[in-house]
C-alpha cells in the first residue's frame, strides 16, 4: 500500500514559486523528489484558488436522527 504524506504549506509555496519562475514541472519534481502528478495538482490548485494553503475539512456535519431526538427531549 502506498504511503501518503501531506506537504506542508511552506513546501507547496516554494514549489509554486519555482513554477512561477518558469521552471518545468519535471525539474521541480526532481528537486523535491515528488511525482510530477503531485506537482501538477498543487500548481493547478494554486492557479484556481490563488493560495498554496490547504483547507482543513472537517467532514460531514453531524445531525441527530428521529430516534435520537426523543432522548434529547427527555
PDB file of N, CA and C in Angstrom:
ATOM      1  N   UNK A   1       0.843  -1.177   0.000  1.00  0.00           N
ATOM      2  CA  UNK A   1       0.000   0.000   0.000  1.00  0.00           C
ATOM      3  C   UNK A   1       0.890   1.242   0.000  1.00  0.00           C
ATOM      4  N   UNK A   2       0.472   2.258  -0.717  1.00  0.00           N
ATOM      5  CA  UNK A   2       1.268   3.479  -0.848  1.00  0.00           C
ATOM      6  C   UNK A   2       1.211   4.290   0.440  1.00  0.00           C
ATOM      7  N   UNK A   3       2.313   4.924   0.747  1.00  0.00           N
ATOM      8  CA  UNK A   3       2.387   5.781   1.923  1.00  0.00           C
ATOM      9  C   UNK A   3       2.124   7.213   1.487  1.00  0.00           C
ATOM     10  N   UNK A   4       1.216   7.881   2.167  1.00  0.00           N
ATOM     11  CA  UNK A   4       0.843   9.248   1.784  1.00  0.00           C
ATOM     12  C   UNK A   4       1.289  10.218   2.857  1.00  0.00           C
ATOM     13  N   UNK A   5       2.050  11.201   2.455  1.00  0.00           N
ATOM     14  CA  UNK A   5       2.464  12.277   3.354  1.00  0.00           C
ATOM     15  C   UNK A   5       1.985  13.596   2.763  1.00  0.00           C
ATOM     16  N   UNK A   6       1.368  14.402   3.601  1.00  0.00           N
ATOM     17  CA  UNK A   6       0.919  15.699   3.124  1.00  0.00           C
ATOM     18  C   UNK A   6       2.092  16.666   3.104  1.00  0.00           C
ATOM     19  N   UNK A   7       2.112  17.501   2.107  1.00  0.00           N
ATOM     20  CA  UNK A   7       3.143  18.527   2.012  1.00  0.00           C
ATOM     21  C   UNK A   7       2.766  19.688   2.919  1.00  0.00           C
ATOM     22  N   UNK A   8       3.766  20.266   3.576  1.00  0.00           N
ATOM     23  CA  UNK A   8       3.460  21.436   4.384  1.00  0.00           C
ATOM     24  C   UNK A   8       3.280  22.645   3.471  1.00  0.00           C
ATOM     25  N   UNK A   9       2.644  23.669   4.011  1.00  0.00           N
ATOM     26  CA  UNK A   9       2.297  24.840   3.218  1.00  0.00           C
ATOM     27  C   UNK A   9       3.533  25.567   2.685  1.00  0.00           C
ATOM     28  N   UNK A  10       4.622  25.543   3.446  1.00  0.00           N
ATOM     29  CA  UNK A  10       5.833  26.224   3.016  1.00  0.00           C
ATOM     30  C   UNK A  10       6.407  25.566   1.760  1.00  0.00           C
ATOM     31  N   UNK A  11       6.437  24.227   1.752  1.00  0.00           N
ATOM     32  CA  UNK A  11       6.948  23.500   0.591  1.00  0.00           C
ATOM     33  C   UNK A  11       6.059  23.723  -0.619  1.00  0.00           C
ATOM     34  N   UNK A  12       4.752  23.715  -0.409  1.00  0.00           N
ATOM     35  CA  UNK A  12       3.827  23.959  -1.512  1.00  0.00           C
ATOM     36  C   UNK A  12       4.053  25.347  -2.102  1.00  0.00           C
ATOM     37  N   UNK A  13       4.295  26.328  -1.240  1.00  0.00           N
ATOM     38  CA  UNK A  13       4.558  27.686  -1.710  1.00  0.00           C
ATOM     39  C   UNK A  13       5.863  27.789  -2.483  1.00  0.00           C
ATOM     40  N   UNK A  14       6.890  27.082  -2.020  1.00  0.00           N
ATOM     41  CA  UNK A  14       8.173  27.088  -2.737  1.00  0.00           C
ATOM     42  C   UNK A  14       8.028  26.441  -4.104  1.00  0.00           C
ATOM     43  N   UNK A  15       7.275  25.344  -4.176  1.00  0.00           N
ATOM     44  CA  UNK A  15       7.068  24.682  -5.469  1.00  0.00           C
ATOM     45  C   UNK A  15       6.347  25.613  -6.429  1.00  0.00           C
ATOM     46  N   UNK A  16       5.323  26.292  -5.942  1.00  0.00           N
ATOM     47  CA  UNK A  16       4.590  27.227  -6.794  1.00  0.00           C
ATOM     48  C   UNK A  16       5.479  28.383  -7.234  1.00  0.00           C
ATOM     49  N   UNK A  17       6.346  28.844  -6.345  1.00  0.00           N
ATOM     50  CA  UNK A  17       7.276  29.909  -6.706  1.00  0.00           C
ATOM     51  C   UNK A  17       8.229  29.476  -7.806  1.00  0.00           C
ATOM     52  N   UNK A  18       8.715  28.233  -7.724  1.00  0.00           N
ATOM     53  CA  UNK A  18       9.596  27.718  -8.771  1.00  0.00           C
ATOM     54  C   UNK A  18       8.869  27.642 -10.107  1.00  0.00           C
ATOM     55  N   UNK A  19       7.610  27.235 -10.074  1.00  0.00           N
ATOM     56  CA  UNK A  19       6.839  27.138 -11.316  1.00  0.00           C
ATOM     57  C   UNK A  19       6.530  28.521 -11.882  1.00  0.00           C
ATOM     58  N   UNK A  20       6.301  29.500 -11.004  1.00  0.00           N
ATOM     59  CA  UNK A  20       6.055  30.865 -11.475  1.00  0.00           C
ATOM     60  C   UNK A  20       7.297  31.462 -12.129  1.00  0.00           C
ATOM     61  N   UNK A  21       8.476  31.014 -11.695  1.00  0.00           N
ATOM     62  CA  UNK A  21       9.718  31.493 -12.297  1.00  0.00           C
ATOM     63  C   UNK A  21       9.917  30.959 -13.708  1.00  0.00           C
ATOM     64  N   UNK A  22       9.143  29.953 -14.084  1.00  0.00           N
ATOM     65  CA  UNK A  22       9.251  29.412 -15.425  1.00  0.00           C
ATOM     66  C   UNK A  22       9.900  28.039 -15.496  1.00  0.00           C
ATOM     67  N   UNK A  23      10.183  27.448 -14.341  1.00  0.00           N
ATOM     68  CA  UNK A  23      10.762  26.108 -14.350  1.00  0.00           C
ATOM     69  C   UNK A  23       9.708  25.093 -14.750  1.00  0.00           C
ATOM     70  N   UNK A  24      10.144  23.954 -15.239  1.00  0.00           N
ATOM     71  CA  UNK A  24       9.211  22.915 -15.671  1.00  0.00           C
ATOM     72  C   UNK A  24       8.781  22.074 -14.481  1.00  0.00           C
ATOM     73  N   UNK A  25       7.646  21.403 -14.653  1.00  0.00           N
ATOM     74  CA  UNK A  25       7.124  20.526 -13.608  1.00  0.00           C
ATOM     75  C   UNK A  25       8.112  19.403 -13.328  1.00  0.00           C
ATOM     76  N   UNK A  26       8.755  18.889 -14.377  1.00  0.00           N
ATOM     77  CA  UNK A  26       9.706  17.786 -14.219  1.00  0.00           C
ATOM     78  C   UNK A  26      10.913  18.198 -13.393  1.00  0.00           C
ATOM     79  N   UNK A  27      11.434  19.396 -13.629  1.00  0.00           N
ATOM     80  CA  UNK A  27      12.607  19.846 -12.870  1.00  0.00           C
ATOM     81  C   UNK A  27      12.265  20.092 -11.402  1.00  0.00           C
ATOM     82  N   UNK A  28      11.077  20.644 -11.147  1.00  0.00           N
ATOM     83  CA  UNK A  28      10.652  20.879  -9.764  1.00  0.00           C
ATOM     84  C   UNK A  28      10.417  19.539  -9.063  1.00  0.00           C
ATOM     85  N   UNK A  29       9.829  18.579  -9.768  1.00  0.00           N
ATOM     86  CA  UNK A  29       9.568  17.271  -9.175  1.00  0.00           C
ATOM     87  C   UNK A  29      10.866  16.558  -8.825  1.00  0.00           C
ATOM     88  N   UNK A  30      11.866  16.666  -9.676  1.00  0.00           N
ATOM     89  CA  UNK A  30      13.139  16.005  -9.390  1.00  0.00           C
ATOM     90  C   UNK A  30      13.867  16.681  -8.233  1.00  0.00           C
ATOM     91  N   UNK A  31      13.701  18.003  -8.077  1.00  0.00           N
ATOM     92  CA  UNK A  31      14.346  18.712  -6.969  1.00  0.00           C
ATOM     93  C   UNK A  31      13.787  18.273  -5.623  1.00  0.00           C
ATOM     94  N   UNK A  32      12.465  18.111  -5.544  1.00  0.00           N
ATOM     95  CA  UNK A  32      11.825  17.755  -4.283  1.00  0.00           C
ATOM     96  C   UNK A  32      11.643  16.257  -4.105  1.00  0.00           C
ATOM     97  N   UNK A  33      11.902  15.476  -5.150  1.00  0.00           N
ATOM     98  CA  UNK A  33      11.727  14.030  -5.055  1.00  0.00           C
ATOM     99  C   UNK A  33      10.273  13.614  -4.967  1.00  0.00           C
ATOM    100  N   UNK A  34       9.424  14.309  -5.708  1.00  0.00           N
ATOM    101  CA  UNK A  34       7.978  14.064  -5.693  1.00  0.00           C
ATOM    102  C   UNK A  34       7.540  13.767  -7.119  1.00  0.00           C
ATOM    103  N   UNK A  35       6.465  12.990  -7.282  1.00  0.00           N
ATOM    104  CA  UNK A  35       5.948  12.676  -8.609  1.00  0.00           C
ATOM    105  C   UNK A  35       5.445  13.934  -9.321  1.00  0.00           C
ATOM    106  N   UNK A  36       5.502  13.879 -10.652  1.00  0.00           N
ATOM    107  CA  UNK A  36       5.028  15.003 -11.471  1.00  0.00           C
ATOM    108  C   UNK A  36       3.555  15.297 -11.232  1.00  0.00           C
ATOM    109  N   UNK A  37       2.758  14.254 -10.997  1.00  0.00           N
ATOM    110  CA  UNK A  37       1.320  14.456 -10.827  1.00  0.00           C
ATOM    111  C   UNK A  37       1.014  15.269  -9.574  1.00  0.00           C
ATOM    112  N   UNK A  38       1.803  15.090  -8.527  1.00  0.00           N
ATOM    113  CA  UNK A  38       1.595  15.851  -7.294  1.00  0.00           C
ATOM    114  C   UNK A  38       1.896  17.328  -7.540  1.00  0.00           C
ATOM    115  N   UNK A  39       2.993  17.585  -8.242  1.00  0.00           N
ATOM    116  CA  UNK A  39       3.361  18.974  -8.553  1.00  0.00           C
ATOM    117  C   UNK A  39       2.276  19.619  -9.415  1.00  0.00           C
ATOM    118  N   UNK A  40       1.778  18.874 -10.394  1.00  0.00           N
ATOM    119  CA  UNK A  40       0.743  19.407 -11.283  1.00  0.00           C
ATOM    120  C   UNK A  40      -0.529  19.735 -10.524  1.00  0.00           C
ATOM    121  N   UNK A  41      -0.919  18.863  -9.591  1.00  0.00           N
ATOM    122  CA  UNK A  41      -2.131  19.118  -8.803  1.00  0.00           C
ATOM    123  C   UNK A  41      -1.970  20.340  -7.916  1.00  0.00           C
ATOM    124  N   UNK A  42      -0.794  20.497  -7.298  1.00  0.00           N
ATOM    125  CA  UNK A  42      -0.541  21.667  -6.449  1.00  0.00           C
ATOM    126  C   UNK A  42      -0.579  22.942  -7.294  1.00  0.00           C
ATOM    127  N   UNK A  43       0.008  22.898  -8.476  1.00  0.00           N
ATOM    128  CA  UNK A  43       0.044  24.059  -9.363  1.00  0.00           C
ATOM    129  C   UNK A  43      -1.355  24.415  -9.843  1.00  0.00           C
ATOM    130  N   UNK A  44      -2.139  23.412 -10.221  1.00  0.00           N
ATOM    131  CA  UNK A  44      -3.497  23.677 -10.700  1.00  0.00           C
ATOM    132  C   UNK A  44      -4.358  24.260  -9.581  1.00  0.00           C
ATOM    133  N   UNK A  45      -4.213  23.733  -8.368  1.00  0.00           N
ATOM    134  CA  UNK A  45      -4.969  24.262  -7.238  1.00  0.00           C
ATOM    135  C   UNK A  45      -4.566  25.703  -6.944  1.00  0.00           C
ATOM    136  N   UNK A  46      -3.274  26.013  -7.065  1.00  0.00           N
ATOM    137  CA  UNK A  46      -2.803  27.378  -6.835  1.00  0.00           C
ATOM    138  C   UNK A  46      -3.375  28.330  -7.874  1.00  0.00           C
ATOM    139  N   UNK A  47      -3.452  27.889  -9.119  1.00  0.00           N
ATOM    140  CA  UNK A  47      -3.971  28.756 -10.173  1.00  0.00           C
ATOM    141  C   UNK A  47      -5.458  29.029 -10.002  1.00  0.00           C
ATOM    142  N   UNK A  48      -6.216  28.072  -9.483  1.00  0.00           N
ATOM    143  CA  UNK A  48      -7.658  28.289  -9.330  1.00  0.00           C
ATOM    144  C   UNK A  48      -7.992  29.053  -8.054  1.00  0.00           C
ATOM    145  N   UNK A  49      -7.318  28.740  -6.946  1.00  0.00           N
ATOM    146  CA  UNK A  49      -7.658  29.378  -5.679  1.00  0.00           C
ATOM    147  C   UNK A  49      -6.803  30.592  -5.377  1.00  0.00           C
ATOM    148  N   UNK A  50      -5.579  30.646  -5.908  1.00  0.00           N
ATOM    149  CA  UNK A  50      -4.698  31.770  -5.638  1.00  0.00           C
ATOM    150  C   UNK A  50      -3.918  31.644  -4.346  1.00  0.00           C
ATOM    151  N   UNK A  51      -3.978  30.497  -3.694  1.00  0.00           N
ATOM    152  CA  UNK A  51      -3.249  30.297  -2.453  1.00  0.00           C
ATOM    153  C   UNK A  51      -2.676  28.892  -2.403  1.00  0.00           C
ATOM    154  N   UNK A  52      -1.599  28.731  -1.651  1.00  0.00           N
ATOM    155  CA  UNK A  52      -0.964  27.426  -1.528  1.00  0.00           C
ATOM    156  C   UNK A  52      -1.367  26.717  -0.241  1.00  0.00           C
ATOM    157  N   UNK A  53      -2.194  27.362   0.571  1.00  0.00           N
ATOM    158  CA  UNK A  53      -2.578  26.815   1.869  1.00  0.00           C
ATOM    159  C   UNK A  53      -3.709  25.812   1.687  1.00  0.00           C
ATOM    160  N   UNK A  54      -3.570  24.665   2.348  1.00  0.00           N
ATOM    161  CA  UNK A  54      -4.606  23.638   2.277  1.00  0.00           C
ATOM    162  C   UNK A  54      -5.771  24.002   3.192  1.00  0.00           C
ATOM    163  N   UNK A  55      -6.973  23.659   2.774  1.00  0.00           N
ATOM    164  CA  UNK A  55      -8.144  23.881   3.600  1.00  0.00           C
ATOM    165  C   UNK A  55      -8.320  22.698   4.547  1.00  0.00           C
ATOM    166  N   UNK A  56      -8.690  22.971   5.778  1.00  0.00           N
ATOM    167  CA  UNK A  56      -8.983  21.921   6.738  1.00  0.00           C
ATOM    168  C   UNK A  56     -10.460  21.578   6.585  1.00  0.00           C
ATOM    169  N   UNK A  57     -10.723  20.350   6.220  1.00  0.00           N
ATOM    170  CA  UNK A  57     -12.097  19.921   6.004  1.00  0.00           C
ATOM    171  C   UNK A  57     -12.482  19.004   7.150  1.00  0.00           C
ATOM    172  N   UNK A  58     -13.559  19.319   7.816  1.00  0.00           N
ATOM    173  CA  UNK A  58     -13.984  18.536   8.970  1.00  0.00           C
ATOM    174  C   UNK A  58     -14.895  17.389   8.633  1.00  0.00           C
ATOM    175  N   UNK A  59     -15.320  17.313   7.395  1.00  0.00           N
ATOM    176  CA  UNK A  59     -16.215  16.235   7.017  1.00  0.00           C
ATOM    177  C   UNK A  59     -17.670  16.662   7.045  1.00  0.00           C
ATOM    178  N   UNK A  60     -18.513  15.677   7.066  1.00  0.00           N
ATOM    179  CA  UNK A  60     -19.950  15.905   7.005  1.00  0.00           C
ATOM    180  C   UNK A  60     -20.469  16.444   8.326  1.00  0.00           C
ATOM    181  N   UNK A  61     -21.375  17.435   8.296  1.00  0.00           N
ATOM    182  CA  UNK A  61     -21.931  17.945   9.545  1.00  0.00           C
ATOM    183  C   UNK A  61     -22.782  16.879  10.240  1.00  0.00           C
ATOM    184  N   UNK A  62     -22.704  16.869  11.534  1.00  0.00           N
ATOM    185  CA  UNK A  62     -23.445  15.862  12.293  1.00  0.00           C
ATOM    186  C   UNK A  62     -24.872  16.323  12.546  1.00  0.00           C
ATOM    187  N   UNK A  63     -25.789  15.396  12.424  1.00  0.00           N
ATOM    188  CA  UNK A  63     -27.193  15.655  12.738  1.00  0.00           C
ATOM    189  C   UNK A  63     -27.717  14.494  13.555  1.00  0.00           C
ATOM    190  N   UNK A  64     -28.779  14.748  14.263  1.00  0.00           N
ATOM    191  CA  UNK A  64     -29.389  13.663  15.040  1.00  0.00           C
ATOM    192  C   UNK A  64     -30.485  13.016  14.215  1.00  0.00           C
ATOM    193  N   UNK A  65     -30.749  11.773  14.531  1.00  0.00           N
ATOM    194  CA  UNK A  65     -31.819  11.052  13.857  1.00  0.00           C
ATOM    195  C   UNK A  65     -33.120  11.266  14.609  1.00  0.00           C
ATOM    196  N   UNK A  66     -34.206  10.837  14.011  1.00  0.00           N
ATOM    197  CA  UNK A  66     -35.513  10.963  14.669  1.00  0.00           C
ATOM    198  C   UNK A  66     -35.539  10.128  15.943  1.00  0.00           C
ATOM    199  N   UNK A  67     -34.889   8.982  15.907  1.00  0.00           N
ATOM    200  CA  UNK A  67     -34.827   8.137  17.097  1.00  0.00           C
ATOM    201  C   UNK A  67     -33.997   8.772  18.201  1.00  0.00           C
ATOM    202  N   UNK A  68     -32.974   9.502  17.839  1.00  0.00           N
ATOM    203  CA  UNK A  68     -32.128  10.159  18.837  1.00  0.00           C
ATOM    204  C   UNK A  68     -32.777  11.404  19.417  1.00  0.00           C
ATOM    205  N   UNK A  69     -33.679  12.021  18.670  1.00  0.00           N
ATOM    206  CA  UNK A  69     -34.349  13.237  19.148  1.00  0.00           C
ATOM    207  C   UNK A  69     -35.216  12.973  20.364  1.00  0.00           C
ATOM    208  N   UNK A  70     -35.803  11.788  20.472  1.00  0.00           N
ATOM    209  CA  UNK A  70     -36.689  11.509  21.598  1.00  0.00           C
ATOM    210  C   UNK A  70     -35.917  11.538  22.919  1.00  0.00           C
ATOM    211  N   UNK A  71     -34.635  11.169  22.884  1.00  0.00           N
ATOM    212  CA  UNK A  71     -33.840  11.193  24.109  1.00  0.00           C
ATOM    213  C   UNK A  71     -33.402  12.614  24.444  1.00  0.00           C
ATOM    214  N   UNK A  72     -33.278  13.474  23.465  1.00  0.00           N
ATOM    215  CA  UNK A  72     -32.920  14.864  23.740  1.00  0.00           C
ATOM    216  C   UNK A  72     -34.083  15.576  24.430  1.00  0.00           C
ATOM    217  N   UNK A  73     -35.300  15.281  24.015  1.00  0.00           N
ATOM    218  CA  UNK A  73     -36.471  15.912  24.613  1.00  0.00           C
ATOM    219  C   UNK A  73     -36.625  15.479  26.058  1.00  0.00           C
ATOM    220  N   UNK A  74     -36.368  14.202  26.332  1.00  0.00           N
ATOM    221  CA  UNK A  74     -36.495  13.716  27.696  1.00  0.00           C
ATOM    222  C   UNK A  74     -35.434  14.332  28.571  1.00  0.00           C
TER     223      UNK A  74
END
